[in-house]
Amino acid sequence: MNYQDLQKEIVQIHEGGYNETLKKLIAAGFLRQKKDGEYHFNNTEAVKFLHKAIYDKDYDHYQLYEDHLSQRPPVSLRDLVEFNSKREPVPIDEVESVEEICKRFCTGGMSLGALSPEAHETLAIGMNRLGGKSNSGEGGEDKKRFKKITDADENGLSETFSYLTGLKNGDNANSAIK
């Protein structure tokens, strides 16, 4: 697509918004997937492949997901980038450890108004397990999140966090960034 093509498309969309006979604007699928709309990275087929791989814990299903991703059309600028380097790879013994790299991971600040407590706490627990940092965002946290989880059973359930699963004793739901 060149600049003239882009201009033509933008004008067409703009003029469509001022069509007197339309009852509502046309949803072209730019913001969410539509059957005959624009292609989306997180399309229904890709999500189905990924869910099947996760729930069945089957590498063959993950391979279907991976094949789907590798055969899709480009959907972001990153898809158009090609690396052309004559540089030798960095020796593995010079690469930082996973633990050191994970220390630099952090989530964005998201308030409880934007996410549920369950999502907030899950992000905090996950980042704490990795050694990264979660950000509580505005509004703070429930005081029960300040203590490590000590009542998780063998099924990963806890009375303190009864709505979460997969918990381990020693997990921490406290966000590192306030």
N, C-alpha and C. Protein backbone atom coordinates (compact mmCIF):
# COMPACT_ATOMS: atom_id res chain seq x y z
N MET A 1 0.85 -1.16 0.00
CA MET A 1 0.00 0.00 0.00
C MET A 1 0.90 1.23 0.00
N ASN A 2 0.61 2.18 -0.86
CA ASN A 2 1.39 3.42 -0.86
C ASN A 2 0.54 4.55 -0.26
N TYR A 3 1.10 5.76 -0.24
CA TYR A 3 0.39 6.89 0.39
C TYR A 3 -0.91 7.22 -0.33
N GLN A 4 -0.94 7.09 -1.65
CA GLN A 4 -2.17 7.37 -2.39
C GLN A 4 -3.26 6.35 -2.05
N ASP A 5 -2.87 5.08 -1.92
CA ASP A 5 -3.83 4.04 -1.53
C ASP A 5 -4.38 4.31 -0.14
N LEU A 6 -3.50 4.68 0.77
CA LEU A 6 -3.91 4.97 2.13
C LEU A 6 -4.85 6.17 2.17
N GLN A 7 -4.52 7.21 1.42
CA GLN A 7 -5.37 8.40 1.38
C GLN A 7 -6.75 8.06 0.83
N LYS A 8 -6.79 7.27 -0.22
CA LYS A 8 -8.06 6.87 -0.84
C LYS A 8 -8.91 6.09 0.17
N GLU A 9 -8.28 5.17 0.91
CA GLU A 9 -9.00 4.37 1.89
C GLU A 9 -9.53 5.23 3.03
N ILE A 10 -8.73 6.16 3.50
CA ILE A 10 -9.16 7.04 4.59
C ILE A 10 -10.32 7.92 4.15
N VAL A 11 -10.24 8.48 2.96
CA VAL A 11 -11.33 9.32 2.43
C VAL A 11 -12.60 8.50 2.29
N GLN A 12 -12.47 7.28 1.82
CA GLN A 12 -13.63 6.40 1.65
C GLN A 12 -14.31 6.12 2.99
N ILE A 13 -13.50 5.82 4.01
CA ILE A 13 -14.05 5.57 5.35
C ILE A 13 -14.71 6.83 5.89
N HIS A 14 -14.04 7.97 5.72
CA HIS A 14 -14.56 9.25 6.22
C HIS A 14 -15.89 9.60 5.55
N GLU A 15 -15.94 9.46 4.22
CA GLU A 15 -17.18 9.78 3.50
C GLU A 15 -18.30 8.82 3.88
N GLY A 16 -17.94 7.57 4.18
CA GLY A 16 -18.95 6.59 4.60
C GLY A 16 -19.65 7.00 5.88
N GLY A 17 -18.94 7.72 6.73
CA GLY A 17 -19.52 8.19 7.98
C GLY A 17 -20.55 9.29 7.79
N TYR A 18 -20.54 9.92 6.61
CA TYR A 18 -21.47 11.01 6.34
C TYR A 18 -22.53 10.62 5.32
N ASN A 19 -22.70 9.33 5.11
CA ASN A 19 -23.71 8.83 4.19
C ASN A 19 -25.09 9.00 4.82
N GLU A 20 -25.95 9.80 4.21
CA GLU A 20 -27.26 10.14 4.77
C GLU A 20 -28.19 8.92 4.87
N THR A 21 -27.97 7.89 4.02
CA THR A 21 -28.89 6.75 4.01
C THR A 21 -28.54 5.68 5.04
N LEU A 22 -27.33 5.76 5.59
CA LEU A 22 -26.93 4.77 6.58
C LEU A 22 -27.65 4.97 7.90
N LYS A 23 -28.09 3.89 8.50
CA LYS A 23 -28.70 3.95 9.83
C LYS A 23 -27.62 3.91 10.92
N LYS A 24 -26.51 3.20 10.65
CA LYS A 24 -25.39 3.15 11.57
C LYS A 24 -24.11 2.97 10.78
N LEU A 25 -22.99 3.30 11.41
CA LEU A 25 -21.70 3.20 10.74
C LEU A 25 -21.35 1.75 10.41
N ILE A 26 -20.64 1.58 9.33
CA ILE A 26 -20.19 0.25 8.92
C ILE A 26 -19.03 -0.17 9.81
N ALA A 27 -19.11 -1.36 10.35
CA ALA A 27 -18.02 -1.92 11.15
C ALA A 27 -17.14 -2.73 10.21
N ALA A 28 -15.99 -2.18 9.84
CA ALA A 28 -15.12 -2.83 8.86
C ALA A 28 -14.21 -3.88 9.48
N GLY A 29 -14.28 -4.03 10.80
CA GLY A 29 -13.43 -5.03 11.44
C GLY A 29 -12.06 -4.53 11.81
N PHE A 30 -11.89 -3.20 11.88
CA PHE A 30 -10.58 -2.66 12.24
C PHE A 30 -10.28 -2.88 13.72
N LEU A 31 -11.29 -2.78 14.57
CA LEU A 31 -11.06 -2.85 16.00
C LEU A 31 -11.32 -4.23 16.58
N ARG A 32 -12.17 -4.99 15.96
CA ARG A 32 -12.37 -6.37 16.40
C ARG A 32 -12.68 -7.21 15.17
N GLN A 33 -12.42 -8.48 15.29
CA GLN A 33 -12.54 -9.37 14.15
C GLN A 33 -13.97 -9.42 13.63
N LYS A 34 -14.09 -9.39 12.31
CA LYS A 34 -15.37 -9.51 11.63
C LYS A 34 -15.17 -10.48 10.48
N LYS A 35 -16.18 -11.27 10.18
CA LYS A 35 -16.05 -12.34 9.19
C LYS A 35 -15.39 -11.87 7.89
N ASP A 36 -15.87 -10.82 7.30
CA ASP A 36 -15.30 -10.33 6.05
C ASP A 36 -14.46 -9.08 6.23
N GLY A 37 -14.04 -8.83 7.47
CA GLY A 37 -13.28 -7.63 7.77
C GLY A 37 -11.78 -7.84 7.69
N GLU A 38 -11.07 -6.90 8.26
CA GLU A 38 -9.62 -6.91 8.28
C GLU A 38 -9.10 -8.12 9.06
N TYR A 39 -7.97 -8.70 8.61
CA TYR A 39 -7.36 -9.84 9.28
C TYR A 39 -6.80 -9.41 10.62
N HIS A 40 -7.02 -10.20 11.65
CA HIS A 40 -6.51 -9.89 12.98
C HIS A 40 -5.55 -10.98 13.45
N PHE A 41 -4.51 -10.56 14.16
CA PHE A 41 -3.53 -11.50 14.70
C PHE A 41 -4.22 -12.50 15.63
N ASN A 42 -5.03 -12.01 16.55
CA ASN A 42 -5.74 -12.87 17.50
C ASN A 42 -7.09 -13.25 16.91
N ASN A 43 -7.06 -13.98 15.82
CA ASN A 43 -8.31 -14.39 15.18
C ASN A 43 -8.85 -15.66 15.82
N THR A 44 -10.07 -15.98 15.52
CA THR A 44 -10.76 -17.12 16.13
C THR A 44 -9.99 -18.42 15.95
N GLU A 45 -9.50 -18.65 14.74
CA GLU A 45 -8.79 -19.91 14.46
C GLU A 45 -7.51 -20.02 15.31
N ALA A 46 -6.74 -18.94 15.38
CA ALA A 46 -5.50 -18.96 16.17
C ALA A 46 -5.80 -19.20 17.65
N VAL A 47 -6.83 -18.53 18.17
CA VAL A 47 -7.19 -18.69 19.58
C VAL A 47 -7.64 -20.12 19.86
N LYS A 48 -8.39 -20.71 18.96
CA LYS A 48 -8.84 -22.11 19.13
C LYS A 48 -7.64 -23.06 19.19
N PHE A 49 -6.67 -22.87 18.28
CA PHE A 49 -5.47 -23.71 18.29
C PHE A 49 -4.72 -23.57 19.61
N LEU A 50 -4.56 -22.34 20.06
CA LEU A 50 -3.81 -22.10 21.29
C LEU A 50 -4.54 -22.70 22.50
N HIS A 51 -5.84 -22.48 22.60
CA HIS A 51 -6.61 -23.05 23.71
C HIS A 51 -6.53 -24.56 23.72
N LYS A 52 -6.65 -25.18 22.56
CA LYS A 52 -6.58 -26.65 22.48
C LYS A 52 -5.22 -27.13 22.97
N ALA A 53 -4.16 -26.45 22.56
CA ALA A 53 -2.81 -26.84 22.99
C ALA A 53 -2.65 -26.71 24.49
N ILE A 54 -3.18 -25.63 25.06
CA ILE A 54 -3.04 -25.38 26.50
C ILE A 54 -3.87 -26.38 27.30
N TYR A 55 -5.13 -26.55 26.94
CA TYR A 55 -6.01 -27.39 27.74
C TYR A 55 -5.68 -28.87 27.61
N ASP A 56 -5.26 -29.30 26.41
CA ASP A 56 -4.91 -30.71 26.21
C ASP A 56 -3.45 -30.99 26.56
N LYS A 57 -2.66 -29.93 26.76
CA LYS A 57 -1.22 -30.06 27.03
C LYS A 57 -0.57 -30.98 26.00
N ASP A 58 -0.89 -30.70 24.74
CA ASP A 58 -0.45 -31.54 23.63
C ASP A 58 0.43 -30.71 22.70
N TYR A 59 1.69 -31.13 22.53
CA TYR A 59 2.61 -30.38 21.69
C TYR A 59 2.15 -30.35 20.23
N ASP A 60 1.51 -31.41 19.76
CA ASP A 60 1.03 -31.44 18.37
C ASP A 60 0.03 -30.31 18.12
N HIS A 61 -0.82 -30.03 19.12
CA HIS A 61 -1.77 -28.93 18.97
C HIS A 61 -1.05 -27.59 19.00
N TYR A 62 -0.01 -27.49 19.81
CA TYR A 62 0.79 -26.25 19.81
C TYR A 62 1.46 -26.07 18.46
N GLN A 63 1.89 -27.15 17.85
CA GLN A 63 2.53 -27.08 16.53
C GLN A 63 1.54 -26.54 15.50
N LEU A 64 0.26 -26.92 15.61
CA LEU A 64 -0.76 -26.36 14.70
C LEU A 64 -0.87 -24.85 14.89
N TYR A 65 -0.85 -24.40 16.14
CA TYR A 65 -0.89 -22.98 16.44
C TYR A 65 0.33 -22.29 15.83
N GLU A 66 1.50 -22.85 16.04
CA GLU A 66 2.73 -22.27 15.52
C GLU A 66 2.71 -22.21 13.99
N ASP A 67 2.23 -23.27 13.34
CA ASP A 67 2.11 -23.29 11.88
C ASP A 67 1.17 -22.20 11.39
N HIS A 68 0.06 -22.05 12.11
CA HIS A 68 -0.92 -21.01 11.76
C HIS A 68 -0.26 -19.63 11.81
N LEU A 69 0.52 -19.37 12.85
CA LEU A 69 1.19 -18.07 12.99
C LEU A 69 2.21 -17.84 11.89
N SER A 70 2.95 -18.88 11.54
CA SER A 70 4.01 -18.70 10.55
C SER A 70 3.46 -18.54 9.13
N GLN A 71 2.21 -18.94 8.90
CA GLN A 71 1.64 -18.86 7.56
C GLN A 71 0.66 -17.70 7.39
N ARG A 72 0.48 -16.90 8.43
CA ARG A 72 -0.48 -15.80 8.34
C ARG A 72 0.13 -14.62 7.58
N PRO A 73 -0.71 -13.73 7.09
CA PRO A 73 -0.18 -12.53 6.45
C PRO A 73 0.40 -11.58 7.48
N PRO A 74 1.26 -10.65 7.07
CA PRO A 74 1.80 -9.68 8.03
C PRO A 74 0.68 -8.79 8.58
N VAL A 75 0.69 -8.58 9.90
CA VAL A 75 -0.36 -7.77 10.53
C VAL A 75 0.22 -6.64 11.38
N SER A 76 1.54 -6.59 11.53
CA SER A 76 2.15 -5.51 12.29
C SER A 76 3.50 -5.18 11.65
N LEU A 77 4.05 -4.04 12.03
CA LEU A 77 5.35 -3.65 11.48
C LEU A 77 6.42 -4.69 11.79
N ARG A 78 6.32 -5.31 12.96
CA ARG A 78 7.30 -6.32 13.36
C ARG A 78 7.35 -7.46 12.34
N ASP A 79 6.21 -7.77 11.72
CA ASP A 79 6.17 -8.85 10.73
C ASP A 79 6.98 -8.52 9.48
N LEU A 80 7.27 -7.26 9.27
CA LEU A 80 7.99 -6.84 8.07
C LEU A 80 9.49 -6.67 8.30
N VAL A 81 9.92 -6.84 9.56
CA VAL A 81 11.33 -6.65 9.89
C VAL A 81 12.11 -7.93 9.61
N GLU A 82 13.23 -7.76 8.95
CA GLU A 82 14.14 -8.89 8.71
C GLU A 82 15.50 -8.51 9.26
N PHE A 83 16.13 -9.43 9.94
CA PHE A 83 17.45 -9.17 10.48
C PHE A 83 18.50 -9.63 9.48
N ASN A 84 19.45 -8.75 9.24
CA ASN A 84 20.55 -9.06 8.34
C ASN A 84 21.83 -8.68 9.07
N SER A 85 22.38 -9.62 9.79
CA SER A 85 23.55 -9.32 10.62
C SER A 85 24.68 -10.28 10.30
N LYS A 86 25.83 -9.70 10.22
CA LYS A 86 27.03 -10.51 10.00
C LYS A 86 27.72 -10.81 11.33
N ARG A 87 27.15 -10.29 12.41
CA ARG A 87 27.73 -10.44 13.74
C ARG A 87 27.61 -11.88 14.22
N GLU A 88 28.61 -12.35 14.92
CA GLU A 88 28.58 -13.68 15.52
C GLU A 88 27.62 -13.68 16.71
N PRO A 89 26.94 -14.78 16.96
CA PRO A 89 26.06 -14.84 18.14
C PRO A 89 26.87 -14.65 19.43
N VAL A 90 26.23 -14.11 20.44
CA VAL A 90 26.86 -13.94 21.74
C VAL A 90 27.02 -15.33 22.37
N PRO A 91 28.19 -15.65 22.87
CA PRO A 91 28.37 -16.95 23.52
C PRO A 91 27.40 -17.09 24.70
N ILE A 92 26.83 -18.25 24.86
CA ILE A 92 25.79 -18.47 25.87
C ILE A 92 26.30 -18.18 27.28
N ASP A 93 27.58 -18.38 27.54
CA ASP A 93 28.10 -18.11 28.88
C ASP A 93 28.20 -16.61 29.18
N GLU A 94 28.02 -15.76 28.16
CA GLU A 94 28.02 -14.31 28.36
C GLU A 94 26.61 -13.74 28.49
N VAL A 95 25.61 -14.59 28.32
CA VAL A 95 24.22 -14.15 28.41
C VAL A 95 23.78 -14.19 29.88
N GLU A 96 23.02 -13.17 30.28
CA GLU A 96 22.52 -13.12 31.66
C GLU A 96 21.64 -14.32 31.96
N SER A 97 21.55 -14.66 33.22
CA SER A 97 20.70 -15.76 33.64
C SER A 97 19.23 -15.37 33.50
N VAL A 98 18.38 -16.36 33.44
CA VAL A 98 16.93 -16.12 33.36
C VAL A 98 16.48 -15.27 34.55
N GLU A 99 17.00 -15.57 35.73
CA GLU A 99 16.61 -14.84 36.94
C GLU A 99 16.96 -13.35 36.83
N GLU A 100 18.13 -13.04 36.30
CA GLU A 100 18.55 -11.64 36.15
C GLU A 100 17.69 -10.92 35.11
N ILE A 101 17.37 -11.60 34.03
CA ILE A 101 16.53 -10.99 32.99
C ILE A 101 15.13 -10.74 33.54
N CYS A 102 14.57 -11.71 34.27
CA CYS A 102 13.20 -11.59 34.79
C CYS A 102 13.05 -10.46 35.80
N LYS A 103 14.14 -10.08 36.47
CA LYS A 103 14.07 -8.97 37.43
C LYS A 103 13.62 -7.67 36.76
N ARG A 104 13.82 -7.56 35.46
CA ARG A 104 13.47 -6.34 34.74
C ARG A 104 12.05 -6.39 34.17
N PHE A 105 11.35 -7.50 34.34
CA PHE A 105 9.97 -7.60 33.86
C PHE A 105 9.05 -6.85 34.81
N CYS A 106 8.08 -6.11 34.27
CA CYS A 106 7.06 -5.50 35.12
C CYS A 106 5.78 -5.30 34.31
N THR A 107 4.68 -5.34 35.01
CA THR A 107 3.39 -5.10 34.37
C THR A 107 3.10 -3.61 34.39
N GLY A 108 2.21 -3.18 33.56
CA GLY A 108 1.77 -1.80 33.59
C GLY A 108 0.89 -1.57 34.81
N GLY A 109 0.76 -0.32 35.21
CA GLY A 109 -0.11 0.01 36.33
C GLY A 109 -1.57 -0.02 35.90
N MET A 110 -2.34 -0.90 36.52
CA MET A 110 -3.75 -1.03 36.17
C MET A 110 -4.58 -1.01 37.46
N SER A 111 -5.49 -0.09 37.54
CA SER A 111 -6.28 0.04 38.76
C SER A 111 -7.33 -1.07 38.84
N LEU A 112 -7.86 -1.25 40.04
CA LEU A 112 -8.93 -2.23 40.21
C LEU A 112 -10.17 -1.85 39.42
N GLY A 113 -10.29 -0.60 39.02
CA GLY A 113 -11.39 -0.20 38.16
C GLY A 113 -11.24 -0.73 36.74
N ALA A 114 -10.01 -1.02 36.35
CA ALA A 114 -9.74 -1.52 35.01
C ALA A 114 -9.72 -3.05 34.96
N LEU A 115 -9.32 -3.67 36.06
CA LEU A 115 -9.23 -5.13 36.13
C LEU A 115 -9.96 -5.62 37.37
N SER A 116 -10.30 -6.87 37.35
CA SER A 116 -10.91 -7.49 38.52
C SER A 116 -9.83 -7.77 39.57
N PRO A 117 -10.22 -7.94 40.83
CA PRO A 117 -9.23 -8.34 41.85
C PRO A 117 -8.54 -9.65 41.46
N GLU A 118 -9.30 -10.57 40.86
CA GLU A 118 -8.72 -11.86 40.46
C GLU A 118 -7.59 -11.66 39.46
N ALA A 119 -7.80 -10.81 38.46
CA ALA A 119 -6.76 -10.57 37.46
C ALA A 119 -5.57 -9.86 38.08
N HIS A 120 -5.85 -8.88 38.92
CA HIS A 120 -4.80 -8.13 39.61
C HIS A 120 -3.92 -9.06 40.43
N GLU A 121 -4.54 -9.92 41.22
CA GLU A 121 -3.80 -10.82 42.10
C GLU A 121 -3.06 -11.89 41.31
N THR A 122 -3.65 -12.36 40.24
CA THR A 122 -2.99 -13.36 39.39
C THR A 122 -1.73 -12.78 38.76
N LEU A 123 -1.83 -11.54 38.28
CA LEU A 123 -0.64 -10.87 37.72
C LEU A 123 0.44 -10.71 38.79
N ALA A 124 0.04 -10.29 39.98
CA ALA A 124 1.01 -10.09 41.06
C ALA A 124 1.70 -11.41 41.42
N ILE A 125 0.92 -12.47 41.58
CA ILE A 125 1.50 -13.78 41.92
C ILE A 125 2.45 -14.24 40.82
N GLY A 126 2.02 -14.13 39.57
CA GLY A 126 2.87 -14.55 38.45
C GLY A 126 4.18 -13.78 38.39
N MET A 127 4.10 -12.46 38.54
CA MET A 127 5.31 -11.65 38.49
C MET A 127 6.21 -11.93 39.68
N ASN A 128 5.63 -12.14 40.85
CA ASN A 128 6.45 -12.48 42.03
C ASN A 128 7.13 -13.83 41.85
N ARG A 129 6.45 -14.79 41.23
CA ARG A 129 7.08 -16.09 40.98
C ARG A 129 8.28 -15.94 40.03
N LEU A 130 8.14 -15.06 39.04
CA LEU A 130 9.22 -14.84 38.07
C LEU A 130 10.37 -14.02 38.63
N GLY A 131 10.09 -13.26 39.68
CA GLY A 131 11.09 -12.33 40.20
C GLY A 131 10.93 -10.95 39.60
N GLY A 132 9.81 -10.73 38.88
CA GLY A 132 9.53 -9.42 38.29
C GLY A 132 8.67 -8.59 39.23
N LYS A 133 8.07 -7.54 38.68
CA LYS A 133 7.27 -6.63 39.51
C LYS A 133 5.91 -6.40 38.86
N SER A 134 4.87 -6.43 39.69
CA SER A 134 3.55 -6.02 39.23
C SER A 134 3.29 -4.63 39.79
N ASN A 135 2.38 -3.92 39.15
CA ASN A 135 2.07 -2.54 39.54
C ASN A 135 0.61 -2.48 39.93
N SER A 136 0.33 -2.08 41.18
CA SER A 136 -1.05 -2.08 41.67
C SER A 136 -1.90 -1.01 41.01
N GLY A 137 -1.27 0.00 40.41
CA GLY A 137 -2.05 1.07 39.81
C GLY A 137 -2.72 1.91 40.89
N GLU A 138 -3.77 2.61 40.50
CA GLU A 138 -4.48 3.48 41.45
C GLU A 138 -5.39 2.66 42.34
N GLY A 139 -5.58 3.09 43.53
CA GLY A 139 -6.56 2.46 44.40
C GLY A 139 -5.99 1.49 45.42
N GLY A 140 -4.74 1.10 45.28
CA GLY A 140 -4.13 0.23 46.27
C GLY A 140 -4.58 -1.21 46.19
N GLU A 141 -4.34 -1.93 47.29
CA GLU A 141 -4.61 -3.37 47.33
C GLU A 141 -5.30 -3.73 48.64
N ASP A 142 -6.00 -4.86 48.61
CA ASP A 142 -6.58 -5.43 49.82
C ASP A 142 -5.44 -5.84 50.75
N LYS A 143 -5.59 -5.60 52.05
CA LYS A 143 -4.52 -5.91 53.02
C LYS A 143 -4.14 -7.38 53.03
N LYS A 144 -5.07 -8.27 52.67
CA LYS A 144 -4.74 -9.69 52.69
C LYS A 144 -3.64 -10.04 51.68
N ARG A 145 -3.42 -9.15 50.71
CA ARG A 145 -2.38 -9.39 49.71
C ARG A 145 -0.98 -9.13 50.24
N PHE A 146 -0.86 -8.49 51.41
CA PHE A 146 0.45 -8.12 51.94
C PHE A 146 1.17 -9.31 52.58
N LYS A 147 0.46 -10.40 52.85
CA LYS A 147 1.06 -11.58 53.49
C LYS A 147 1.19 -12.71 52.48
N LYS A 148 2.22 -13.51 52.66
CA LYS A 148 2.40 -14.67 51.78
C LYS A 148 1.27 -15.67 52.02
N ILE A 149 0.94 -16.40 50.98
CA ILE A 149 -0.12 -17.40 51.07
C ILE A 149 0.42 -18.62 51.81
N THR A 150 -0.30 -19.02 52.86
CA THR A 150 0.16 -20.16 53.67
C THR A 150 -0.90 -21.25 53.78
N ASP A 151 -2.06 -21.02 53.18
CA ASP A 151 -3.15 -22.00 53.34
C ASP A 151 -3.51 -22.70 52.02
N ALA A 152 -2.58 -22.77 51.06
CA ALA A 152 -2.85 -23.48 49.81
C ALA A 152 -2.80 -24.98 50.05
N ASP A 153 -3.78 -25.69 49.51
CA ASP A 153 -3.78 -27.15 49.67
C ASP A 153 -3.12 -27.81 48.46
N GLU A 154 -3.14 -29.15 48.44
CA GLU A 154 -2.48 -29.91 47.36
C GLU A 154 -3.15 -29.69 46.00
N ASN A 155 -4.37 -29.14 45.99
CA ASN A 155 -5.07 -28.86 44.73
C ASN A 155 -4.87 -27.43 44.26
N GLY A 156 -4.04 -26.66 44.99
CA GLY A 156 -3.78 -25.28 44.60
C GLY A 156 -4.88 -24.31 44.99
N LEU A 157 -5.69 -24.69 45.97
CA LEU A 157 -6.79 -23.83 46.43
C LEU A 157 -6.47 -23.27 47.81
N SER A 158 -7.04 -22.09 48.08
CA SER A 158 -6.78 -21.40 49.33
C SER A 158 -8.07 -20.76 49.81
N GLU A 159 -8.31 -20.80 51.12
CA GLU A 159 -9.49 -20.12 51.67
C GLU A 159 -9.33 -18.61 51.57
N THR A 160 -8.14 -18.13 51.75
CA THR A 160 -7.89 -16.69 51.70
C THR A 160 -8.17 -16.13 50.31
N PHE A 161 -7.78 -16.87 49.27
CA PHE A 161 -8.00 -16.47 47.88
C PHE A 161 -8.85 -17.56 47.20
N SER A 162 -10.06 -17.74 47.70
CA SER A 162 -10.91 -18.86 47.29
C SER A 162 -11.28 -18.83 45.80
N TYR A 163 -11.17 -17.71 45.17
CA TYR A 163 -11.56 -17.55 43.76
C TYR A 163 -10.38 -17.79 42.81
N LEU A 164 -9.18 -18.07 43.34
CA LEU A 164 -8.02 -18.35 42.51
C LEU A 164 -7.67 -19.83 42.56
N THR A 165 -7.03 -20.33 41.52
CA THR A 165 -6.58 -21.72 41.49
C THR A 165 -5.09 -21.74 41.17
N GLY A 166 -4.47 -22.89 41.35
CA GLY A 166 -3.06 -23.05 41.02
C GLY A 166 -2.12 -22.40 42.00
N LEU A 167 -2.59 -22.15 43.21
CA LEU A 167 -1.77 -21.46 44.20
C LEU A 167 -0.80 -22.42 44.88
N LYS A 168 0.28 -21.86 45.42
CA LYS A 168 1.28 -22.62 46.17
C LYS A 168 1.55 -21.87 47.47
N ASN A 169 1.81 -22.61 48.52
CA ASN A 169 2.22 -21.95 49.77
C ASN A 169 3.50 -21.19 49.49
N GLY A 170 3.56 -19.97 49.97
CA GLY A 170 4.69 -19.09 49.71
C GLY A 170 4.44 -18.11 48.59
N ASP A 171 3.35 -18.33 47.82
CA ASP A 171 2.99 -17.35 46.80
C ASP A 171 2.70 -16.01 47.44
N ASN A 172 2.92 -14.96 46.67
CA ASN A 172 2.75 -13.61 47.20
C ASN A 172 1.91 -12.81 46.20
N ALA A 173 0.77 -12.29 46.63
CA ALA A 173 -0.13 -11.51 45.78
C ALA A 173 0.10 -10.01 45.93
N ASN A 174 1.15 -9.63 46.63
CA ASN A 174 1.47 -8.23 46.89
C ASN A 174 2.17 -7.63 45.67
N SER A 175 1.66 -6.51 45.16
CA SER A 175 2.31 -5.83 44.04
C SER A 175 3.55 -5.09 44.53
N ALA A 176 4.63 -5.23 43.78
CA ALA A 176 5.90 -4.60 44.18
C ALA A 176 5.86 -3.09 43.96
N ILE A 177 5.10 -2.64 42.98
CA ILE A 177 5.02 -1.21 42.66
C ILE A 177 3.66 -0.70 43.08
N LYS A 178 3.64 0.35 43.90
CA LYS A 178 2.38 0.91 44.42
C LYS A 178 2.05 2.19 43.71
